[in-house]
C-alpha atoms as a PDB file:
ATOM      1  CA  MET A   1      12.468  28.422  -1.797  1.00  0.00           C
ATOM      2  CA  THR A   2      12.862  24.013  -1.819  1.00  0.00           C
ATOM      3  CA  ARG A   3       8.675  23.945  -2.226  1.00  0.00           C
ATOM      4  CA  PRO A   4       7.399  21.479   0.197  1.00  0.00           C
ATOM      5  CA  VAL A   5       6.376  17.762  -1.669  1.00  0.00           C
ATOM      6  CA  HIS A   6       3.123  16.612  -0.963  1.00  0.00           C
ATOM      7  CA  ALA A   7       2.536  12.407  -0.564  1.00  0.00           C
ATOM      8  CA  LEU A   8      -0.816  11.044  -0.740  1.00  0.00           C
ATOM      9  CA  LEU A   9      -0.596   7.730   1.410  1.00  0.00           C
ATOM     10  CA  LEU A  10      -2.672   4.495   0.417  1.00  0.00           C
ATOM     11  CA  HIS A  11      -4.072   1.638   2.811  1.00  0.00           C
ATOM     12  CA  GLY A  12      -4.521  -2.427   1.543  1.00  0.00           C
ATOM     13  CA  ALA A  13      -7.253  -3.851   0.754  1.00  0.00           C
ATOM     14  CA  GLY A  14      -9.259  -4.646   4.378  1.00  0.00           C
ATOM     15  CA  GLY A  15      -7.313  -1.509   6.045  1.00  0.00           C
ATOM     16  CA  GLY A  16      -7.953   1.486   6.606  1.00  0.00           C
ATOM     17  CA  ALA A  17      -6.334   5.040   6.641  1.00  0.00           C
ATOM     18  CA  TRP A  18      -5.513   4.801  10.701  1.00  0.00           C
ATOM     19  CA  GLN A  19      -2.944   2.139   8.947  1.00  0.00           C
ATOM     20  CA  TRP A  20      -0.399   4.569   7.723  1.00  0.00           C
ATOM     21  CA  GLY A  21      -0.069   6.067  11.816  1.00  0.00           C
ATOM     22  CA  LEU A  22       2.951   5.359  12.662  1.00  0.00           C
ATOM     23  CA  TRP A  23       4.602   6.321   9.204  1.00  0.00           C
ATOM     24  CA  MET A  24       2.850  10.129   8.816  1.00  0.00           C
ATOM     25  CA  PRO A  25       4.462  11.977  11.541  1.00  0.00           C
ATOM     26  CA  VAL A  26       7.774  10.367  10.640  1.00  0.00           C
ATOM     27  CA  LEU A  27       7.580  11.358   6.722  1.00  0.00           C
ATOM     28  CA  GLN A  28       6.130  14.921   8.665  1.00  0.00           C
ATOM     29  CA  ALA A  29       9.823  15.343  11.098  1.00  0.00           C
ATOM     30  CA  HIS A  30      11.290  14.569   7.444  1.00  0.00           C
ATOM     31  CA  GLY A  31       9.531  17.199   5.389  1.00  0.00           C
ATOM     32  CA  ILE A  32       6.689  15.326   3.589  1.00  0.00           C
ATOM     33  CA  HIS A  33       3.133  16.970   3.986  1.00  0.00           C
ATOM     34  CA  ALA A  34       1.551  13.513   4.323  1.00  0.00           C
ATOM     35  CA  ARG A  35      -1.997  12.918   3.518  1.00  0.00           C
ATOM     36  CA  ALA A  36      -4.027   8.880   4.161  1.00  0.00           C
ATOM     37  CA  ILE A  37      -7.389   8.511   2.631  1.00  0.00           C
ATOM     38  CA  ASP A  38      -9.595   5.947   3.204  1.00  0.00           C
ATOM     39  CA  LEU A  39     -10.535   3.553  -0.542  1.00  0.00           C
ATOM     40  CA  PRO A  40     -14.161   2.743  -1.088  1.00  0.00           C
ATOM     41  CA  HIS A  41     -15.014  -0.817   0.693  1.00  0.00           C
ATOM     42  CA  ARG A  42     -19.188  -1.509  -0.272  1.00  0.00           C
ATOM     43  CA  CYS A  43     -19.818  -4.442   0.260  1.00  0.00           C
ATOM     44  CA  SER A  44     -23.691  -3.510  -0.888  1.00  0.00           C
ATOM     45  CA  ALA A  45     -25.313  -4.945  -3.497  1.00  0.00           C
ATOM     46  CA  ALA A  46     -23.340  -2.396  -6.324  1.00  0.00           C
ATOM     47  CA  PRO A  47     -19.703  -3.288  -4.099  1.00  0.00           C
ATOM     48  CA  SER A  48     -16.347  -1.302  -5.055  1.00  0.00           C
ATOM     49  CA  GLY A  49     -14.845  -2.130  -7.691  1.00  0.00           C
ATOM     50  CA  TRP A  50     -11.032  -1.134  -9.014  1.00  0.00           C
ATOM     51  CA  GLN A  51     -12.309   1.303 -10.591  1.00  0.00           C
ATOM     52  CA  ASP A  52     -13.956   3.175  -7.711  1.00  0.00           C
ATOM     53  CA  ALA A  53     -11.050   3.025  -6.312  1.00  0.00           C
ATOM     54  CA  LEU A  54      -8.359   4.065  -9.177  1.00  0.00           C
ATOM     55  CA  ASP A  55     -11.002   7.074  -9.373  1.00  0.00           C
ATOM     56  CA  THR A  56     -10.592   7.917  -5.627  1.00  0.00           C
ATOM     57  CA  ALA A  57      -7.018   7.667  -5.177  1.00  0.00           C
ATOM     58  CA  SER A  58      -6.625   9.599  -8.739  1.00  0.00           C
ATOM     59  CA  HIS A  59      -8.274  12.598  -8.096  1.00  0.00           C
ATOM     60  CA  ALA A  60      -6.973  12.609  -4.220  1.00  0.00           C
ATOM     61  CA  LEU A  61      -3.828  12.738  -6.150  1.00  0.00           C
ATOM     62  CA  GLU A  62      -3.857  15.439  -8.570  1.00  0.00           C
ATOM     63  CA  ALA A  63      -5.422  17.371  -6.089  1.00  0.00           C
ATOM     64  CA  LEU A  64      -2.052  17.666  -4.005  1.00  0.00           C
ATOM     65  CA  PRO A  65       0.550  20.053  -5.128  1.00  0.00           C
ATOM     66  CA  ARG A  66       3.774  19.417  -7.034  1.00  0.00           C
ATOM     67  CA  PRO A  67       6.462  17.467  -6.365  1.00  0.00           C
ATOM     68  CA  ARG A  68       4.664  14.911  -4.749  1.00  0.00           C
ATOM     69  CA  VAL A  69       4.106  11.068  -3.950  1.00  0.00           C
ATOM     70  CA  VAL A  70       2.181   8.343  -4.135  1.00  0.00           C
ATOM     71  CA  ALA A  71       2.983   5.888  -2.026  1.00  0.00           C
ATOM     72  CA  GLY A  72       0.023   2.286  -0.989  1.00  0.00           C
ATOM     73  CA  ALA A  73       0.707  -0.781   0.603  1.00  0.00           C
ATOM     74  CA  SER A  74      -0.694  -4.131  -0.731  1.00  0.00           C
ATOM     75  CA  LEU A  75      -4.011  -3.110  -2.632  1.00  0.00           C
ATOM     76  CA  GLY A  76      -2.538   0.286  -2.147  1.00  0.00           C
ATOM     77  CA  GLY A  77       0.244  -0.521  -4.018  1.00  0.00           C
ATOM     78  CA  LEU A  78      -0.862  -1.561  -6.939  1.00  0.00           C
ATOM     79  CA  LEU A  79      -3.279   1.592  -7.565  1.00  0.00           C
ATOM     80  CA  ALA A  80       0.281   4.059  -6.342  1.00  0.00           C
ATOM     81  CA  ALA A  81       1.624   2.429  -9.600  1.00  0.00           C
ATOM     82  CA  ALA A  82      -1.495   2.756 -11.197  1.00  0.00           C
ATOM     83  CA  CYS A  83      -1.493   6.729 -10.172  1.00  0.00           C
ATOM     84  CA  ALA A  84       2.690   6.545 -11.217  1.00  0.00           C
ATOM     85  CA  PRO A  85       1.788   8.810 -14.657  1.00  0.00           C
ATOM     86  CA  LEU A  86       0.401  11.430 -11.781  1.00  0.00           C
ATOM     87  CA  ALA A  87       3.564  11.744  -9.506  1.00  0.00           C
ATOM     88  CA  ASP A  88       7.056  12.463  -9.079  1.00  0.00           C
ATOM     89  CA  ALA A  89       7.818   8.881  -7.432  1.00  0.00           C
ATOM     90  CA  ALA A  90       6.319   6.259  -6.422  1.00  0.00           C
ATOM     91  CA  VAL A  91       6.548   4.189  -3.206  1.00  0.00           C
ATOM     92  CA  LEU A  92       5.064   0.624  -3.104  1.00  0.00           C
ATOM     93  CA  LEU A  93       4.712  -2.126   0.141  1.00  0.00           C
ATOM     94  CA  ASN A  94       4.368  -5.494  -0.684  1.00  0.00           C
ATOM     95  CA  PRO A  95       2.015  -4.431  -3.555  1.00  0.00           C
ATOM     96  CA  LEU A  96      -0.794  -6.456  -4.718  1.00  0.00           C
ATOM     97  CA  PRO A  97       1.457  -6.819  -8.352  1.00  0.00           C
ATOM     98  CA  PRO A  98       0.154  -6.225 -11.410  1.00  0.00           C
ATOM     99  CA  SER A  99      -0.691  -9.188 -14.367  1.00  0.00           C
ATOM    100  CA  PRO A 100       1.495 -10.616 -14.858  1.00  0.00           C
ATOM    101  CA  TRP A 101       2.872 -11.016 -11.962  1.00  0.00           C
ATOM    102  CA  SER A 102      -0.329 -11.499  -9.943  1.00  0.00           C
ATOM    103  CA  ARG A 103      -1.580 -15.253 -11.560  1.00  0.00           C
ATOM    104  CA  SER A 104       0.719 -16.847  -9.145  1.00  0.00           C
ATOM    105  CA  LEU A 105      -1.744 -15.594  -6.411  1.00  0.00           C
ATOM    106  CA  ALA A 106      -4.836 -17.994  -4.808  1.00  0.00           C
ATOM    107  CA  PRO A 107      -7.672 -16.151  -7.067  1.00  0.00           C
ATOM    108  CA  PRO A 108     -10.715 -14.415  -4.932  1.00  0.00           C
ATOM    109  CA  THR A 109     -13.694 -16.573  -3.576  1.00  0.00           C
ATOM    110  CA  GLY A 110     -17.213 -16.034  -2.784  1.00  0.00           C
ATOM    111  CA  ASP A 111     -18.544 -12.285  -2.730  1.00  0.00           C
ATOM    112  CA  THR A 112     -17.433 -10.631   0.473  1.00  0.00           C
ATOM    113  CA  ARG A 113     -13.999 -11.013   2.501  1.00  0.00           C
ATOM    114  CA  ARG A 114     -14.994 -10.604   6.198  1.00  0.00           C
ATOM    115  CA  TRP A 115     -12.599  -8.902   7.493  1.00  0.00           C
ATOM    116  CA  GLY A 116     -13.668  -6.796   9.891  1.00  0.00           C
ATOM    117  CA  THR A 117     -17.050  -9.191  10.746  1.00  0.00           C
ATOM    118  CA  ASP A 118     -14.930 -12.167  11.582  1.00  0.00           C
ATOM    119  CA  ALA A 119     -11.878 -10.419  12.682  1.00  0.00           C
ATOM    120  CA  ARG A 120     -10.164 -12.240  16.410  1.00  0.00           C
ATOM    121  CA  LEU A 121      -7.692 -10.262  18.241  1.00  0.00           C
ATOM    122  CA  ALA A 122      -5.936 -14.495  18.334  1.00  0.00           C
ATOM    123  CA  SER A 123      -4.835 -14.344  14.933  1.00  0.00           C
ATOM    124  CA  THR A 124      -4.801 -10.229  14.369  1.00  0.00           C
ATOM    125  CA  ARG A 125      -1.756 -10.969  16.935  1.00  0.00           C
ATOM    126  CA  ALA A 126      -0.776 -13.979  14.811  1.00  0.00           C
ATOM    127  CA  SER A 127      -0.551 -12.242  11.278  1.00  0.00           C
ATOM    128  CA  LEU A 128       1.117  -9.179  13.250  1.00  0.00           C
ATOM    129  CA  HIS A 129       3.478 -10.773  15.006  1.00  0.00           C
ATOM    130  CA  ASP A 130       5.962  -8.395  14.770  1.00  0.00           C
ATOM    131  CA  ALA A 131       3.737  -5.352  15.686  1.00  0.00           C
ATOM    132  CA  ASP A 132       3.536  -4.063  19.678  1.00  0.00           C
ATOM    133  CA  PRO A 133      -0.317  -5.437  20.929  1.00  0.00           C
ATOM    134  CA  ALA A 134      -1.519  -2.277  21.596  1.00  0.00           C
ATOM    135  CA  THR A 135      -1.155  -1.865  17.456  1.00  0.00           C
ATOM    136  CA  ALA A 136      -2.573  -5.634  17.134  1.00  0.00           C
ATOM    137  CA  LEU A 137      -5.498  -4.678  19.263  1.00  0.00           C
ATOM    138  CA  ALA A 138      -6.609  -1.057  17.830  1.00  0.00           C
ATOM    139  CA  ALA A 139      -5.684  -2.963  14.076  1.00  0.00           C
ATOM    140  CA  PHE A 140      -8.148  -5.703  15.228  1.00  0.00           C
ATOM    141  CA  ARG A 141     -11.203  -3.047  15.794  1.00  0.00           C
ATOM    142  CA  ARG A 142     -10.272  -1.676  12.518  1.00  0.00           C
ATOM    143  CA  TRP A 143     -10.396  -3.981  10.071  1.00  0.00           C
ATOM    144  CA  ARG A 144     -12.872  -3.557   7.753  1.00  0.00           C
ATOM    145  CA  ASP A 145     -15.008  -6.012   5.232  1.00  0.00           C
ATOM    146  CA  CYS A 146     -13.811  -5.561   0.975  1.00  0.00           C
ATOM    147  CA  PRO A 147     -16.024  -7.095  -1.554  1.00  0.00           C
ATOM    148  CA  VAL A 148     -14.530  -9.589  -3.436  1.00  0.00           C
ATOM    149  CA  ARG A 149     -15.386  -7.688  -6.758  1.00  0.00           C
ATOM    150  CA  LEU A 150     -12.738  -4.958  -5.927  1.00  0.00           C
ATOM    151  CA  LEU A 151      -9.890  -7.869  -5.330  1.00  0.00           C
ATOM    152  CA  ARG A 152     -10.652 -10.399  -8.383  1.00  0.00           C
ATOM    153  CA  GLU A 153     -11.073  -7.102 -10.566  1.00  0.00           C
ATOM    154  CA  ALA A 154      -7.335  -5.422  -9.474  1.00  0.00           C
ATOM    155  CA  ARG A 155      -6.527  -9.045  -9.502  1.00  0.00           C
ATOM    156  CA  GLU A 156      -6.453  -8.987 -13.753  1.00  0.00           C
ATOM    157  CA  VAL A 157      -4.611  -4.695 -14.013  1.00  0.00           C
ATOM    158  CA  VAL A 158      -2.674  -4.518 -16.609  1.00  0.00           C
ATOM    159  CA  LEU A 159      -0.617  -1.697 -16.089  1.00  0.00           C
ATOM    160  CA  GLU A 160       2.255  -0.132 -18.490  1.00  0.00           C
ATOM    161  CA  ARG A 161       5.633   0.935 -17.000  1.00  0.00           C
ATOM    162  CA  VAL A 162       6.303   4.109 -16.456  1.00  0.00           C
ATOM    163  CA  ASP A 163       9.354   6.596 -16.400  1.00  0.00           C
ATOM    164  CA  VAL A 164       8.396   7.474 -12.457  1.00  0.00           C
ATOM    165  CA  PRO A 165      10.951   7.217 -10.031  1.00  0.00           C
ATOM    166  CA  MET A 166       9.492   3.893  -8.325  1.00  0.00           C
ATOM    167  CA  ARG A 167      10.966   1.758  -4.893  1.00  0.00           C
ATOM    168  CA  MET A 168       9.922  -1.456  -3.197  1.00  0.00           C
ATOM    169  CA  LEU A 169       9.831  -2.651   0.399  1.00  0.00           C
ATOM    170  CA  ALA A 170       9.070  -5.873  -0.160  1.00  0.00           C
ATOM    171  CA  CYS A 171       8.843  -8.220   3.217  1.00  0.00           C
ATOM    172  CA  ASP A 172      11.439 -11.926   2.028  1.00  0.00           C
ATOM    173  CA  ALA A 173       8.771 -14.096   4.314  1.00  0.00           C
ATOM    174  CA  ASP A 174       5.303 -12.061   2.770  1.00  0.00           C
ATOM    175  CA  ALA A 175       2.540 -15.103   3.901  1.00  0.00           C
ATOM    176  CA  ASP A 176       0.079 -12.772   1.333  1.00  0.00           C
ATOM    177  CA  ILE A 177       1.775 -11.857  -1.769  1.00  0.00           C
ATOM    178  CA  PRO A 178       4.368 -14.020  -3.158  1.00  0.00           C
ATOM    179  CA  PRO A 179       7.668 -12.448  -2.967  1.00  0.00           C
ATOM    180  CA  ASP A 180       8.968 -14.173  -5.926  1.00  0.00           C
ATOM    181  CA  ALA A 181       5.925 -12.229  -7.708  1.00  0.00           C
ATOM    182  CA  MET A 182       6.892  -8.750  -5.802  1.00  0.00           C
ATOM    183  CA  ARG A 183      10.453  -9.130  -7.651  1.00  0.00           C
ATOM    184  CA  ALA A 184      10.199 -10.327 -11.196  1.00  0.00           C
ATOM    185  CA  TRP A 185       7.518  -7.474 -11.124  1.00  0.00           C
ATOM    186  CA  ALA A 186      10.488  -5.085  -9.485  1.00  0.00           C
ATOM    187  CA  ARG A 187      13.443  -6.284 -11.835  1.00  0.00           C
ATOM    188  CA  ALA A 188      10.866  -5.930 -15.258  1.00  0.00           C
ATOM    189  CA  TRP A 189      10.080  -1.908 -14.172  1.00  0.00           C
ATOM    190  CA  SER A 190      13.454  -1.625 -13.098  1.00  0.00           C
ATOM    191  CA  MET A 191      12.492  -0.612  -9.835  1.00  0.00           C
ATOM    192  CA  ASP A 192      14.655   0.250  -6.927  1.00  0.00           C
ATOM    193  CA  ILE A 193      13.287  -3.008  -3.943  1.00  0.00           C
ATOM    194  CA  GLU A 194      14.766  -3.025  -0.586  1.00  0.00           C
ATOM    195  CA  GLU A 195      13.785  -6.553   0.989  1.00  0.00           C
ATOM    196  CA  ILE A 196      13.051  -6.360   4.351  1.00  0.00           C
ATOM    197  CA  GLY A 197      11.437  -8.378   7.300  1.00  0.00           C
ATOM    198  CA  GLY A 198       7.929  -8.847   9.057  1.00  0.00           C
ATOM    199  CA  SER A 199       4.618  -9.266   8.359  1.00  0.00           C
ATOM    200  CA  HIS A 200       2.375  -8.327   5.021  1.00  0.00           C
ATOM    201  CA  ALA A 201       1.361  -5.440   7.255  1.00  0.00           C
ATOM    202  CA  GLY A 202       4.413  -4.869  10.014  1.00  0.00           C
ATOM    203  CA  VAL A 203       5.882  -2.932   6.893  1.00  0.00           C
ATOM    204  CA  LEU A 204       3.271  -0.480   8.432  1.00  0.00           C
ATOM    205  CA  LEU A 205       2.314  -1.431  11.824  1.00  0.00           C
ATOM    206  CA  GLY A 206       5.122  -3.320  12.961  1.00  0.00           C
ATOM    207  CA  SER A 207       8.423  -2.614  15.558  1.00  0.00           C
ATOM    208  CA  GLY A 208       9.662  -1.318  12.493  1.00  0.00           C
ATOM    209  CA  ALA A 209       7.859   0.465  10.568  1.00  0.00           C
ATOM    210  CA  ALA A 210       9.127   3.872  11.425  1.00  0.00           C
ATOM    211  CA  ALA A 211      12.972   2.593  10.581  1.00  0.00           C
ATOM    212  CA  HIS A 212      10.836   1.658   7.232  1.00  0.00           C
ATOM    213  CA  ALA A 213       9.264   5.668   7.120  1.00  0.00           C
ATOM    214  CA  ALA A 214      12.780   7.182   7.546  1.00  0.00           C
ATOM    215  CA  ARG A 215      14.875   5.143   4.636  1.00  0.00           C
ATOM    216  CA  THR A 216      11.964   5.698   2.940  1.00  0.00           C
ATOM    217  CA  ALA A 217      11.772   9.776   3.024  1.00  0.00           C
ATOM    218  CA  GLY A 218      15.672   9.587   2.721  1.00  0.00           C
ATOM    219  CA  TRP A 219      15.410   7.896  -0.793  1.00  0.00           C
ATOM    220  CA  LEU A 220      12.389  10.336  -1.672  1.00  0.00           C
ATOM    221  CA  ALA A 221      14.515  13.785  -1.158  1.00  0.00           C
ATOM    222  CA  ALA A 222      17.612  12.698  -3.022  1.00  0.00           C
ATOM    223  CA  THR A 223      15.373  10.699  -5.756  1.00  0.00           C
ATOM    224  CA  LEU A 224      12.918  13.796  -6.061  1.00  0.00           C
ATOM    225  CA  ARG A 225      16.349  16.494  -5.411  1.00  0.00           C
ATOM    226  CA  GLY A 226      17.799  14.487  -8.477  1.00  0.00           C
END
């Protein structure tokens, strides 16, 4: 009997486990037991940092039976790459690249990115132009503030290439992560890469999210079977 595949899903900065709502039923329909978790986003006197997020992700991944997969979007994509040695495959969606490819990103400033406090429906709809109005409204209500410490430390992360099958979905018009940086990282690590259209978060929340999830499930089935 084939053992079931388990997957850990990691969201991006300012988001939450809810962002995987369109992906999870598709993965489960393909026999993948998916679990999405909330990463720490403390913005207090002791704000969350990279190690907090990495510890949360790695502990959750190690708790899953094998074969197991880690998938992450944006900041979660960098976390997924960092956790890849603990997994049998990894999927990165518009991922924040590690150094040196992160050098093309503007350095974060201040103490807190007030994505939740300063959220506006109009700007959410504009950034999620490929999502339906109901999804944009739900996202507007759920964005979270993010400590800049976490973003700053993540931008300085250096990772060594790992011998784990990896697939990247990269939006060719991403306004948050430079597509060239994602492509360069994928080439350096010999990742399977698919360039897609849509917004930065649209890979999870846009009209094409279910199709992206289905193709990813097919890749996982072929990769883990091989």
